[in-house]
């Protein structure tokens, strides 16, 4: 029941929304085709009896007539199956798109994607959004349609089996006999198979969960190595990374072998059971055949009806692997959603507009670690409009954490702070990905058509050599050196023109002369901006109106 509750929690937002109206119609159409397919299979069952009776009677004209009927039945089955699958895929992609959009929006809102890394983050949220949602939508629809089809098949062919054996009372004890024994035999055989299957396969659920987790960890490590390839090469860490990847691959392989072992035992049971089921109806129908209740054609009709009832009742048996993977997927997505719900309870950044007198104001601000231990306590700080402030202090005092708090990326605090809107923080390592240079310089805003803005910014920071590549899509984090990346980030500040610019060791990879020259250019260009900078480059102090040393806290700074 807990799994179903998690499933409805995940699915409800989409399926109860107006956007799902077309999906409901497509789903109903798919189910209708599934039910229609069952009716065609019932007709095929009747055809089986008539055809083999005609063969036994050597009735040539009837045989040819039945062969024509068979062509029509096969054509109907093919068309129904093709369009059933096609409609199911439409529902799947609509649901997957909506659910992916919903979870991506939650993940990327209110800094959730970052908050999750600060707490007990579920492993690999990228896989949960990209892969687990795909598995959930695909497996849910496949299981649902197949289950409905199985119920309809069971209902239709149970009547057939009952009617075929209703006229024969199978003696069990001296004074007790069973009517419709073929149906009861199919039910008993199927229920017994479900119990045996669960006994041998119940541990697969956790194994599938672990497999998804280990595969995702292995893939994430490979991506991390690709992104850090230059650093690994410079430190000659190939052997260490290879050893780490070998260990992670070994975990994947060991868990996969456990799945193989479990599935082998389960496969032996299920396949043996299924093979026996193919001959059970023949032996079971012998009493009715000997009593002349059914004909030779009826014997083949019994076989098909029995197998349909058996396969319908054995839905749990034949879908056991799918069910265990489905439940593991639900658990992973459920954990991801629960983690986001927790992070959404964390205090969000107020971003209240500052008073007309101050660009930044902190009132009794205490910043803490996620565990609750204070980092900075009772900070009172006022920064004027257009003021240049440098923050210094020993490592570990919370300089960077203070800056993260001011931009709303650190939720563990109490007290109050106000920050002027339109602010930009440049971290020590700039965020550069596979984008055009124009897009990188505009990030996080959309690029503009006027190229002169970008060309001027690149020229001012000393990157005129790449001006011609303004619209080239390149992985700039791999193309540029660490110092050039920081220059590009400073050019981004010139394009952005923020009211408040926060620099967190943003020139640490540049020599002191170059760093000082670039900060001067920022001052000259961003005349109306407040600039707050954390830096250990002592030669930059002369450029700032104030230098705040966090070693002296708690104090009032104004």
Protein backbone atom coordinates (compact mmCIF):
# COMPACT_ATOMS: atom_id res chain seq x y z
CA UNK A 1 0.00 0.00 0.00
CA UNK A 2 2.91 2.36 0.71
CA UNK A 3 4.10 1.90 -2.89
CA UNK A 4 0.66 2.74 -4.27
CA UNK A 5 0.46 5.80 -2.01
CA UNK A 6 3.82 7.00 -3.34
CA UNK A 7 2.70 6.30 -6.90
CA UNK A 8 -0.48 8.37 -6.51
CA UNK A 9 1.51 11.19 -4.90
CA UNK A 10 3.79 11.27 -7.94
CA UNK A 11 1.05 10.86 -10.56
CA UNK A 12 -1.81 12.90 -9.11
CA UNK A 13 -0.59 16.41 -10.08
CA UNK A 14 -0.68 15.55 -13.79
CA UNK A 15 -3.66 13.21 -14.04
CA UNK A 16 -5.92 15.56 -12.04
CA UNK A 17 -4.92 18.62 -14.08
CA UNK A 18 -6.66 20.09 -17.12
CA UNK A 19 -3.57 19.37 -19.19
CA UNK A 20 -4.29 15.65 -18.89
CA UNK A 21 -7.67 15.81 -20.67
CA UNK A 22 -6.30 14.63 -24.02
CA UNK A 23 -4.20 11.97 -22.28
CA UNK A 24 -7.34 10.61 -20.61
CA UNK A 25 -9.03 10.35 -24.02
CA UNK A 26 -6.00 8.63 -25.52
CA UNK A 27 -5.83 6.26 -22.55
CA UNK A 28 -9.53 5.40 -22.86
CA UNK A 29 -9.04 4.79 -26.58
CA UNK A 30 -6.10 2.49 -25.81
CA UNK A 31 -8.15 0.55 -23.25
CA UNK A 32 -11.04 0.30 -25.72
CA UNK A 33 -8.73 -1.24 -28.31
CA UNK A 34 -7.42 -3.67 -25.68
CA UNK A 35 -10.95 -4.79 -24.85
CA UNK A 36 -11.75 -5.07 -28.55
CA UNK A 37 -8.69 -7.29 -28.95
CA UNK A 38 -10.04 -9.61 -26.26
CA UNK A 39 -13.31 -9.94 -28.18
CA UNK A 40 -11.41 -10.80 -31.35
CA UNK A 41 -9.47 -13.46 -29.42
CA UNK A 42 -12.77 -14.96 -28.21
CA UNK A 43 -13.89 -15.18 -31.84
CA UNK A 44 -10.54 -16.80 -32.68
CA UNK A 45 -11.19 -19.34 -29.92
CA UNK A 46 -14.54 -20.25 -31.49
CA UNK A 47 -12.81 -20.39 -34.88
CA UNK A 48 -10.33 -22.94 -33.44
CA UNK A 49 -13.17 -25.32 -32.53
CA UNK A 50 -14.94 -24.94 -35.86
CA UNK A 51 -11.74 -25.31 -37.89
CA UNK A 52 -10.51 -28.52 -36.22
CA UNK A 53 -14.02 -29.98 -36.25
CA UNK A 54 -14.10 -29.26 -39.99
CA UNK A 55 -10.72 -30.93 -40.40
CA UNK A 56 -11.92 -33.98 -38.47
CA UNK A 57 -15.02 -34.14 -40.71
CA UNK A 58 -12.95 -33.49 -43.87
CA UNK A 59 -15.42 -30.72 -44.80
CA UNK A 60 -13.48 -28.96 -47.60
CA UNK A 61 -15.85 -26.04 -48.36
CA UNK A 62 -16.13 -25.17 -44.66
CA UNK A 63 -12.35 -25.38 -44.24
CA UNK A 64 -11.75 -22.84 -47.04
CA UNK A 65 -14.46 -20.57 -45.65
CA UNK A 66 -12.85 -20.71 -42.20
CA UNK A 67 -9.44 -19.93 -43.69
CA UNK A 68 -10.89 -16.71 -45.15
CA UNK A 69 -12.33 -15.89 -41.71
CA UNK A 70 -8.88 -16.49 -40.24
CA UNK A 71 -7.33 -13.91 -42.58
CA UNK A 72 -9.89 -11.35 -41.39
CA UNK A 73 -9.24 -12.19 -37.73
CA UNK A 74 -5.46 -11.90 -38.17
CA UNK A 75 -5.82 -8.55 -39.95
CA UNK A 76 -8.00 -7.26 -37.11
CA UNK A 77 -5.50 -8.45 -34.47
CA UNK A 78 -2.56 -6.81 -36.25
CA UNK A 79 -4.33 -3.45 -36.71
CA UNK A 80 -5.60 -3.36 -33.14
CA UNK A 81 -2.19 -4.20 -31.66
CA UNK A 82 -0.38 -1.60 -33.78
CA UNK A 83 -2.79 1.24 -32.94
CA UNK A 84 -3.02 0.17 -29.31
CA UNK A 85 0.77 0.54 -29.02
CA UNK A 86 0.75 3.81 -30.96
CA UNK A 87 -1.87 5.40 -28.69
CA UNK A 88 -0.09 4.08 -25.59
CA UNK A 89 3.13 5.77 -26.74
CA UNK A 90 1.27 9.06 -27.16
CA UNK A 91 0.02 8.87 -23.58
CA UNK A 92 3.49 7.91 -22.39
CA UNK A 93 5.31 10.85 -23.99
CA UNK A 94 2.67 13.37 -22.86
CA UNK A 95 2.81 12.12 -19.28
CA UNK A 96 6.59 11.87 -19.29
CA UNK A 97 6.97 15.41 -20.65
CA UNK A 98 4.58 16.86 -18.06
CA UNK A 99 6.09 14.95 -15.13
CA UNK A 100 9.63 15.83 -16.20
CA UNK A 101 8.66 19.49 -16.52
CA UNK A 102 7.00 19.40 -13.09
CA UNK A 103 9.97 17.84 -11.28
CA UNK A 104 12.54 19.92 -13.17
CA UNK A 105 10.64 23.07 -12.19
CA UNK A 106 10.57 22.03 -8.53
CA UNK A 107 14.22 20.99 -8.61
CA UNK A 108 15.37 24.28 -10.16
CA UNK A 109 13.09 26.54 -8.08
CA UNK A 110 13.86 28.10 -4.71
CA UNK A 111 17.46 26.87 -5.00
CA UNK A 112 16.28 23.27 -4.40
CA UNK A 113 18.94 21.85 -6.72
CA UNK A 114 21.61 23.45 -4.52
CA UNK A 115 19.94 22.92 -1.14
CA UNK A 116 19.78 19.17 -1.83
CA UNK A 117 23.57 19.06 -2.11
CA UNK A 118 23.88 20.70 1.32
CA UNK A 119 21.74 18.14 3.08
CA UNK A 120 21.20 14.43 2.65
CA UNK A 121 20.76 14.61 -1.12
CA UNK A 122 19.24 11.61 -2.91
CA UNK A 123 21.84 10.14 -5.21
CA UNK A 124 21.91 11.28 -8.83
CA UNK A 125 18.88 13.57 -9.21
CA UNK A 126 19.74 13.79 -12.91
CA UNK A 127 19.03 10.08 -13.33
CA UNK A 128 15.79 10.31 -11.34
CA UNK A 129 14.52 13.03 -13.65
CA UNK A 130 15.81 11.65 -16.94
CA UNK A 131 15.72 7.87 -16.47
CA UNK A 132 13.34 7.07 -13.60
CA UNK A 133 10.50 9.19 -14.99
CA UNK A 134 10.88 7.41 -18.33
CA UNK A 135 10.75 4.02 -16.58
CA UNK A 136 7.77 5.05 -14.46
CA UNK A 137 5.63 6.23 -17.37
CA UNK A 138 6.57 3.34 -19.66
CA UNK A 139 6.16 0.59 -17.08
CA UNK A 140 2.99 2.03 -15.53
CA UNK A 141 1.14 2.19 -18.84
CA UNK A 142 2.44 -1.20 -19.93
CA UNK A 143 1.39 -2.80 -16.64
CA UNK A 144 -1.97 -0.99 -16.54
CA UNK A 145 -2.99 -1.87 -20.11
CA UNK A 146 -1.80 -5.43 -19.68
CA UNK A 147 -3.65 -5.79 -16.37
CA UNK A 148 -6.93 -4.49 -17.82
CA UNK A 149 -6.50 -6.78 -20.80
CA UNK A 150 -5.83 -9.70 -18.45
CA UNK A 151 -8.98 -8.98 -16.42
CA UNK A 152 -11.08 -8.76 -19.59
CA UNK A 153 -9.49 -11.93 -20.96
CA UNK A 154 -10.11 -13.72 -17.67
CA UNK A 155 -13.77 -12.68 -17.68
CA UNK A 156 -14.37 -13.70 -21.29
CA UNK A 157 -12.50 -17.00 -21.31
CA UNK A 158 -13.67 -18.04 -17.83
CA UNK A 159 -17.16 -18.17 -19.32
CA UNK A 160 -15.80 -20.22 -22.24
CA UNK A 161 -14.04 -22.69 -19.93
CA UNK A 162 -17.05 -22.95 -17.65
CA UNK A 163 -19.39 -23.65 -20.55
CA UNK A 164 -17.03 -26.25 -22.02
CA UNK A 165 -16.93 -28.27 -18.79
CA UNK A 166 -20.24 -27.30 -17.16
CA UNK A 167 -22.00 -30.33 -18.61
CA UNK A 168 -19.55 -32.74 -17.00
CA UNK A 169 -19.41 -33.34 -13.24
CA UNK A 170 -15.91 -34.40 -12.24
CA UNK A 171 -16.13 -36.83 -9.31
CA UNK A 172 -13.74 -35.91 -6.49
CA UNK A 173 -15.04 -37.88 -3.53
CA UNK A 174 -17.75 -40.49 -3.23
CA UNK A 175 -20.54 -37.99 -2.75
CA UNK A 176 -18.89 -34.86 -4.15
CA UNK A 177 -18.26 -33.72 -7.72
CA UNK A 178 -17.19 -30.45 -9.33
CA UNK A 179 -18.98 -28.58 -12.11
CA UNK A 180 -16.92 -26.44 -14.49
CA UNK A 181 -13.76 -28.20 -13.30
CA UNK A 182 -11.59 -26.82 -16.11
CA UNK A 183 -12.07 -23.29 -14.81
CA UNK A 184 -11.31 -24.31 -11.21
CA UNK A 185 -8.20 -26.15 -12.33
CA UNK A 186 -6.91 -23.07 -14.18
CA UNK A 187 -7.54 -20.89 -11.10
CA UNK A 188 -5.77 -23.28 -8.70
CA UNK A 189 -2.83 -23.74 -11.06
CA UNK A 190 -2.38 -19.98 -11.50
CA UNK A 191 -2.67 -19.07 -7.80
CA UNK A 192 -0.13 -21.74 -6.92
CA UNK A 193 2.23 -20.32 -9.56
CA UNK A 194 1.89 -16.78 -8.16
CA UNK A 195 2.83 -17.97 -4.68
CA UNK A 196 5.87 -19.89 -5.90
CA UNK A 197 7.01 -16.94 -8.03
CA UNK A 198 6.85 -14.51 -5.12
CA UNK A 199 8.75 -16.94 -2.91
CA UNK A 200 11.64 -17.15 -5.37
CA UNK A 201 11.58 -13.55 -6.63
CA UNK A 202 10.68 -11.21 -3.76
CA UNK A 203 14.33 -10.16 -3.18
CA UNK A 204 14.57 -8.77 -6.72
CA UNK A 205 12.94 -5.49 -5.65
CA UNK A 206 15.91 -4.35 -3.57
CA UNK A 207 18.39 -5.69 -6.12
CA UNK A 208 16.80 -3.63 -8.92
CA UNK A 209 16.86 -0.56 -6.66
CA UNK A 210 20.57 -1.07 -5.95
CA UNK A 211 21.32 -1.69 -9.63
CA UNK A 212 19.75 1.62 -10.66
CA UNK A 213 21.69 3.41 -7.93
CA UNK A 214 25.06 1.84 -8.78
CA UNK A 215 24.63 2.35 -12.52
CA UNK A 216 23.84 6.03 -11.92
CA UNK A 217 26.84 6.49 -9.60
CA UNK A 218 29.14 4.90 -12.18
CA UNK A 219 27.78 7.08 -14.99
CA UNK A 220 28.03 10.23 -12.85
CA UNK A 221 31.66 9.47 -12.03
CA UNK A 222 32.49 9.10 -15.72
CA UNK A 223 30.88 12.48 -16.44
CA UNK A 224 32.80 14.05 -13.55
CA UNK A 225 36.07 12.68 -14.94
CA UNK A 226 35.27 14.10 -18.35
CA UNK A 227 34.53 17.53 -16.88
CA UNK A 228 37.72 17.44 -14.78
CA UNK A 229 39.92 15.89 -17.46
CA UNK A 230 42.47 18.73 -17.47
CA UNK A 231 42.90 18.68 -13.68
CA UNK A 232 43.25 14.90 -13.66
CA UNK A 233 45.83 15.06 -16.46
CA UNK A 234 47.85 17.79 -14.74
CA UNK A 235 47.92 15.83 -11.48
CA UNK A 236 48.58 12.56 -13.34
CA UNK A 237 45.64 10.99 -11.58
CA UNK A 238 44.67 8.57 -14.35
CA UNK A 239 45.61 5.46 -12.39
CA UNK A 240 43.73 6.60 -9.29
CA UNK A 241 40.63 7.45 -11.33
CA UNK A 242 40.88 4.12 -13.16
CA UNK A 243 41.06 2.30 -9.82
CA UNK A 244 38.02 4.21 -8.55
CA UNK A 245 36.04 3.45 -11.71
CA UNK A 246 37.11 -0.20 -11.55
CA UNK A 247 35.75 -0.39 -8.01
CA UNK A 248 32.45 1.19 -9.02
CA UNK A 249 32.16 -1.09 -12.05
CA UNK A 250 32.81 -4.07 -9.77
CA UNK A 251 29.87 -2.98 -7.60
CA UNK A 252 27.67 -2.81 -10.71
CA UNK A 253 28.81 -6.26 -11.83
CA UNK A 254 28.41 -7.89 -8.40
CA UNK A 255 24.87 -6.60 -8.01
CA UNK A 256 24.07 -7.64 -11.59
CA UNK A 257 25.33 -11.14 -10.81
CA UNK A 258 23.00 -11.24 -7.80
CA UNK A 259 20.12 -10.29 -10.11
CA UNK A 260 21.22 -12.97 -12.58
CA UNK A 261 21.26 -15.60 -9.82
CA UNK A 262 17.81 -14.63 -8.58
CA UNK A 263 16.37 -14.42 -12.10
CA UNK A 264 17.90 -17.78 -12.99
CA UNK A 265 16.09 -19.48 -10.11
CA UNK A 266 12.93 -17.55 -10.89
CA UNK A 267 13.25 -18.39 -14.60
CA UNK A 268 13.61 -22.10 -13.88
CA UNK A 269 10.41 -22.04 -11.85
CA UNK A 270 8.37 -19.79 -14.16
CA UNK A 271 9.39 -21.49 -17.41
CA UNK A 272 8.88 -24.98 -15.99
CA UNK A 273 5.48 -23.95 -14.73
CA UNK A 274 4.59 -22.40 -18.08
CA UNK A 275 5.69 -25.45 -20.08
CA UNK A 276 3.61 -27.73 -17.89
CA UNK A 277 0.66 -25.39 -18.37
CA UNK A 278 0.81 -26.05 -22.13
CA UNK A 279 -0.16 -29.73 -21.67
CA UNK A 280 -2.32 -29.50 -18.55
CA UNK A 281 -5.51 -28.58 -20.49
CA UNK A 282 -5.16 -31.62 -22.77
CA UNK A 283 -4.94 -34.00 -19.83
CA UNK A 284 -7.62 -32.07 -17.97
CA UNK A 285 -10.01 -32.25 -20.94
CA UNK A 286 -9.70 -36.03 -21.39
CA UNK A 287 -12.62 -36.83 -19.00
CA UNK A 288 -14.92 -34.44 -20.89
CA UNK A 289 -13.68 -35.75 -24.24
CA UNK A 290 -14.24 -39.37 -23.19
CA UNK A 291 -17.73 -38.43 -22.00
CA UNK A 292 -18.33 -36.86 -25.44
CA UNK A 293 -19.10 -33.49 -23.83
CA UNK A 294 -16.56 -31.87 -26.15
CA UNK A 295 -15.36 -32.70 -29.68
CA UNK A 296 -11.81 -32.81 -31.06
CA UNK A 297 -12.26 -29.18 -32.09
CA UNK A 298 -13.49 -28.50 -28.58
CA UNK A 299 -10.23 -29.97 -27.27
CA UNK A 300 -8.27 -27.26 -29.09
CA UNK A 301 -10.79 -24.69 -27.88
CA UNK A 302 -10.18 -25.89 -24.31
CA UNK A 303 -6.42 -25.57 -24.80
CA UNK A 304 -6.66 -21.96 -25.98
CA UNK A 305 -9.24 -20.95 -23.37
CA UNK A 306 -7.28 -22.62 -20.57
CA UNK A 307 -4.06 -20.86 -21.59
CA UNK A 308 -5.86 -17.52 -21.77
CA UNK A 309 -7.34 -17.94 -18.29
CA UNK A 310 -4.04 -19.26 -16.97
CA UNK A 311 -2.00 -16.39 -18.47
CA UNK A 312 -4.51 -13.83 -17.19
CA UNK A 313 -4.47 -15.24 -13.67
CA UNK A 314 -0.68 -15.53 -13.91
CA UNK A 315 -0.30 -11.84 -14.72
CA UNK A 316 1.59 -11.43 -11.46
CA UNK A 317 3.93 -14.30 -12.40
CA UNK A 318 4.80 -13.11 -15.90
CA UNK A 319 5.10 -9.44 -14.89
CA UNK A 320 7.12 -10.03 -11.75
CA UNK A 321 10.33 -8.51 -13.14
CA UNK A 322 8.42 -5.49 -14.43
CA UNK A 323 6.66 -5.05 -11.09
CA UNK A 324 9.88 -5.16 -9.08
CA UNK A 325 11.52 -2.62 -11.38
CA UNK A 326 8.37 -0.46 -11.25
CA UNK A 327 8.28 -0.46 -7.43
CA UNK A 328 12.02 0.33 -7.25
CA UNK A 329 11.48 3.28 -9.61
CA UNK A 330 8.60 4.60 -7.50
CA UNK A 331 10.72 4.39 -4.34
CA UNK A 332 13.56 6.36 -6.00
CA UNK A 333 11.24 9.07 -7.32
CA UNK A 334 9.38 9.17 -4.00
CA UNK A 335 12.64 9.75 -2.12
CA UNK A 336 13.56 12.51 -4.55
CA UNK A 337 10.22 14.28 -4.07
CA UNK A 338 10.39 13.91 -0.27
CA UNK A 339 13.88 15.45 -0.29
CA UNK A 340 12.60 18.41 -2.34
CA UNK A 341 9.65 18.84 0.01
CA UNK A 342 12.10 19.06 2.91
CA UNK A 343 14.32 21.58 1.13
CA UNK A 344 11.25 23.68 0.28
CA UNK A 345 10.66 24.10 4.02
CA UNK A 346 14.03 25.79 4.39
CA UNK A 347 13.88 29.61 4.58
CA UNK A 348 13.96 31.20 1.16
CA UNK A 349 15.97 34.27 0.32
CA UNK A 350 14.00 37.39 1.23
CA UNK A 351 15.53 39.70 -1.39
CA UNK A 352 13.70 42.60 0.18
CA UNK A 353 14.58 45.87 -1.46
CA UNK A 354 17.07 47.81 0.58
CA UNK A 355 16.22 51.12 2.10
CA UNK A 356 17.03 54.20 0.09
CA UNK A 357 20.14 54.63 2.24
CA UNK A 358 21.75 51.21 1.84
CA UNK A 359 22.44 48.68 -0.92
CA UNK A 360 23.03 45.88 1.61
CA UNK A 361 21.92 45.69 5.24
CA UNK A 362 22.39 42.79 7.69
CA UNK A 363 20.64 42.93 11.05
CA UNK A 364 21.66 40.43 13.76
CA UNK A 365 22.44 37.93 11.03
CA UNK A 366 23.70 34.55 12.23
CA UNK A 367 24.82 32.04 9.60
CA UNK A 368 25.00 28.35 10.49
CA UNK A 369 26.19 25.07 9.10
CA UNK A 370 23.49 22.57 8.02
CA UNK A 371 24.01 20.78 11.36
CA UNK A 372 23.15 24.01 13.22
CA UNK A 373 26.66 25.02 14.34
CA UNK A 374 27.16 28.82 13.95
CA UNK A 375 29.64 30.09 11.36
CA UNK A 376 29.04 33.84 11.78
CA UNK A 377 27.06 35.30 14.67
CA UNK A 378 25.15 38.54 15.12
CA UNK A 379 26.49 40.32 12.04
CA UNK A 380 25.28 43.89 11.61
CA UNK A 381 26.45 45.37 8.33
CA UNK A 382 25.44 48.35 6.19
CA UNK A 383 26.87 48.92 2.71
CA UNK A 384 26.06 52.15 0.90
CA UNK A 385 25.04 52.57 -2.70
CA UNK A 386 28.11 52.59 -5.01
CA UNK A 387 30.40 51.64 -2.12
CA UNK A 388 33.39 49.35 -2.63
CA UNK A 389 33.86 46.90 0.26
CA UNK A 390 36.50 44.18 0.66
CA UNK A 391 35.93 41.33 3.11
CA UNK A 392 38.93 39.50 4.51
CA UNK A 393 39.60 36.95 7.22
CA UNK A 394 41.19 33.62 7.91
CA UNK A 395 40.08 30.55 5.97
CA UNK A 396 36.99 28.87 7.40
CA UNK A 397 35.50 32.00 8.98
CA UNK A 398 32.53 32.01 6.61
CA UNK A 399 33.40 34.70 4.05
CA UNK A 400 32.09 32.73 1.07
CA UNK A 401 29.11 31.48 3.07
CA UNK A 402 28.17 35.09 3.88
CA UNK A 403 28.20 35.91 0.17
CA UNK A 404 26.09 32.82 -0.59
CA UNK A 405 23.59 33.98 2.02
CA UNK A 406 23.35 37.46 0.50
CA UNK A 407 22.43 36.02 -2.92
CA UNK A 408 19.89 33.61 -1.39
CA UNK A 409 21.84 30.39 -1.92
CA UNK A 410 22.37 29.54 1.78
CA UNK A 411 19.21 28.76 3.79
CA UNK A 412 20.79 28.09 7.18
CA UNK A 413 20.57 31.43 8.96
CA UNK A 414 18.43 33.53 11.24
CA UNK A 415 18.17 37.26 11.53
CA UNK A 416 17.47 39.58 8.64
CA UNK A 417 19.19 40.95 5.60
CA UNK A 418 18.16 43.22 2.75
CA UNK A 419 19.85 43.37 -0.64
CA UNK A 420 19.28 45.70 -3.54
CA UNK A 421 17.77 43.95 -6.55
CA UNK A 422 19.65 43.14 -9.78
CA UNK A 423 22.66 41.55 -8.12
CA UNK A 424 25.32 39.25 -9.55
CA UNK A 425 27.80 36.95 -7.80
CA UNK A 426 30.96 35.78 -9.55
CA UNK A 427 32.37 32.69 -7.80
CA UNK A 428 36.01 31.64 -7.82
CA UNK A 429 35.33 29.06 -10.54
CA UNK A 430 33.05 30.55 -13.23
CA UNK A 431 30.13 28.54 -14.56
CA UNK A 432 30.96 27.94 -18.22
CA UNK A 433 29.37 25.17 -20.27
CA UNK A 434 28.78 24.19 -23.89
CA UNK A 435 27.26 27.49 -25.08
CA UNK A 436 28.05 30.24 -27.53
CA UNK A 437 30.34 32.95 -26.19
CA UNK A 438 27.44 35.40 -26.47
CA UNK A 439 25.29 33.14 -24.27
CA UNK A 440 28.10 32.69 -21.74
CA UNK A 441 28.55 36.44 -21.41
CA UNK A 442 24.80 36.99 -21.01
CA UNK A 443 24.22 34.20 -18.49
CA UNK A 444 21.88 33.98 -16.60
CA UNK A 445 19.96 36.37 -18.88
CA UNK A 446 19.11 35.88 -22.55
CA UNK A 447 21.61 37.20 -25.12
CA UNK A 448 20.96 40.40 -27.07
CA UNK A 449 21.58 41.08 -30.75
CA UNK A 450 23.90 44.05 -30.27
CA UNK A 451 27.36 42.49 -30.54
CA UNK A 452 29.17 45.69 -29.56
CA UNK A 453 28.26 45.16 -25.88
CA UNK A 454 30.04 41.82 -25.82
CA UNK A 455 33.00 42.88 -27.97
CA UNK A 456 33.64 45.90 -25.75
CA UNK A 457 33.52 43.78 -22.57
CA UNK A 458 35.92 41.20 -24.02
CA UNK A 459 38.33 43.93 -25.08
CA UNK A 460 38.31 45.56 -21.63
CA UNK A 461 39.25 42.32 -19.85
CA UNK A 462 41.95 41.37 -22.35
CA UNK A 463 40.13 38.66 -24.30
CA UNK A 464 40.04 40.36 -27.70
CA UNK A 465 41.60 37.23 -29.20
CA UNK A 466 38.26 35.39 -28.97
CA UNK A 467 35.99 38.23 -30.12
CA UNK A 468 35.62 36.56 -33.53
CA UNK A 469 34.09 33.50 -31.84
CA UNK A 470 31.16 35.35 -30.30
CA UNK A 471 28.61 32.95 -31.79
CA UNK A 472 30.74 29.80 -31.69
CA UNK A 473 29.38 27.04 -29.46
CA UNK A 474 32.35 25.75 -27.47
CA UNK A 475 32.91 24.21 -24.05
CA UNK A 476 34.67 27.31 -22.74
CA UNK A 477 35.56 25.64 -19.45
CA UNK A 478 37.83 23.32 -21.45
CA UNK A 479 38.99 25.89 -24.00
CA UNK A 480 40.13 28.67 -21.65
CA UNK A 481 42.75 28.64 -18.91
CA UNK A 482 41.67 29.27 -15.30
CA UNK A 483 42.81 32.90 -15.51
CA UNK A 484 41.01 33.43 -18.84
CA UNK A 485 37.85 31.94 -17.37
CA UNK A 486 37.97 34.51 -14.56
CA UNK A 487 38.49 37.28 -17.12
CA UNK A 488 35.45 36.02 -19.02
CA UNK A 489 33.43 36.12 -15.79
CA UNK A 490 34.46 39.75 -15.21
CA UNK A 491 33.37 40.51 -18.78
CA UNK A 492 30.03 38.94 -17.84
CA UNK A 493 29.74 41.49 -15.01
CA UNK A 494 30.31 44.34 -17.48
CA UNK A 495 27.54 42.99 -19.73
CA UNK A 496 25.19 42.35 -16.80
CA UNK A 497 25.75 45.81 -15.24
CA UNK A 498 24.39 44.81 -11.79
CA UNK A 499 23.31 47.11 -8.98
CA UNK A 500 25.26 44.89 -6.57
CA UNK A 501 28.31 42.92 -7.74
CA UNK A 502 29.67 40.28 -5.38
CA UNK A 503 33.11 38.84 -6.14
CA UNK A 504 34.22 35.68 -4.34
CA UNK A 505 37.95 35.26 -5.01
CA UNK A 506 37.12 36.16 -8.61
CA UNK A 507 40.69 37.18 -9.49
CA UNK A 508 42.66 34.55 -7.52
CA UNK A 509 43.95 32.92 -10.73
CA UNK A 510 45.30 36.23 -12.07
CA UNK A 511 48.57 37.89 -11.14
CA UNK A 512 48.22 40.86 -8.76
CA UNK A 513 48.98 43.48 -11.41
CA UNK A 514 46.36 42.13 -13.82
CA UNK A 515 43.82 41.66 -11.02
CA UNK A 516 44.27 45.26 -9.85
CA UNK A 517 43.96 46.60 -13.39
CA UNK A 518 40.73 44.68 -14.01
CA UNK A 519 39.13 45.78 -10.72
CA UNK A 520 39.96 49.39 -11.65
CA UNK A 521 38.18 48.89 -14.98
CA UNK A 522 35.15 47.45 -13.21
CA UNK A 523 35.07 50.51 -10.92
CA UNK A 524 35.24 52.85 -13.88
CA UNK A 525 32.54 51.08 -15.90
CA UNK A 526 30.15 50.14 -13.08
CA UNK A 527 30.00 53.57 -11.49
CA UNK A 528 26.54 53.05 -9.98
CA UNK A 529 27.19 49.56 -8.65
CA UNK A 530 27.96 48.42 -5.13
CA UNK A 531 30.92 46.02 -5.19
CA UNK A 532 31.61 43.56 -2.38
CA UNK A 533 34.69 41.40 -2.78
CA UNK A 534 36.30 38.56 -0.87
CA UNK A 535 39.99 38.33 -1.71
CA UNK A 536 43.37 37.44 -0.24
CA UNK A 537 45.21 39.68 -2.74
CA UNK A 538 46.45 42.42 -0.41
CA UNK A 539 47.39 44.84 -3.20
CA UNK A 540 43.68 45.28 -4.00
CA UNK A 541 42.90 46.88 -0.62
CA UNK A 542 43.77 50.39 -1.83
CA UNK A 543 40.95 50.22 -4.40
CA UNK A 544 38.20 49.75 -1.81
CA UNK A 545 36.42 52.25 0.39
CA UNK A 546 36.39 49.83 3.33
CA UNK A 547 38.08 46.60 4.35
CA UNK A 548 36.14 44.38 6.76
CA UNK A 549 38.04 41.72 8.67
CA UNK A 550 35.81 38.91 9.89
CA UNK A 551 38.46 37.90 12.42
CA UNK A 552 37.10 40.71 14.62
CA UNK A 553 33.46 39.56 14.71
CA UNK A 554 31.01 39.80 16.37
CA UNK A 555 31.08 43.55 15.82
CA UNK A 556 28.77 46.11 14.31
CA UNK A 557 30.03 47.25 10.93
CA UNK A 558 28.51 50.38 9.40
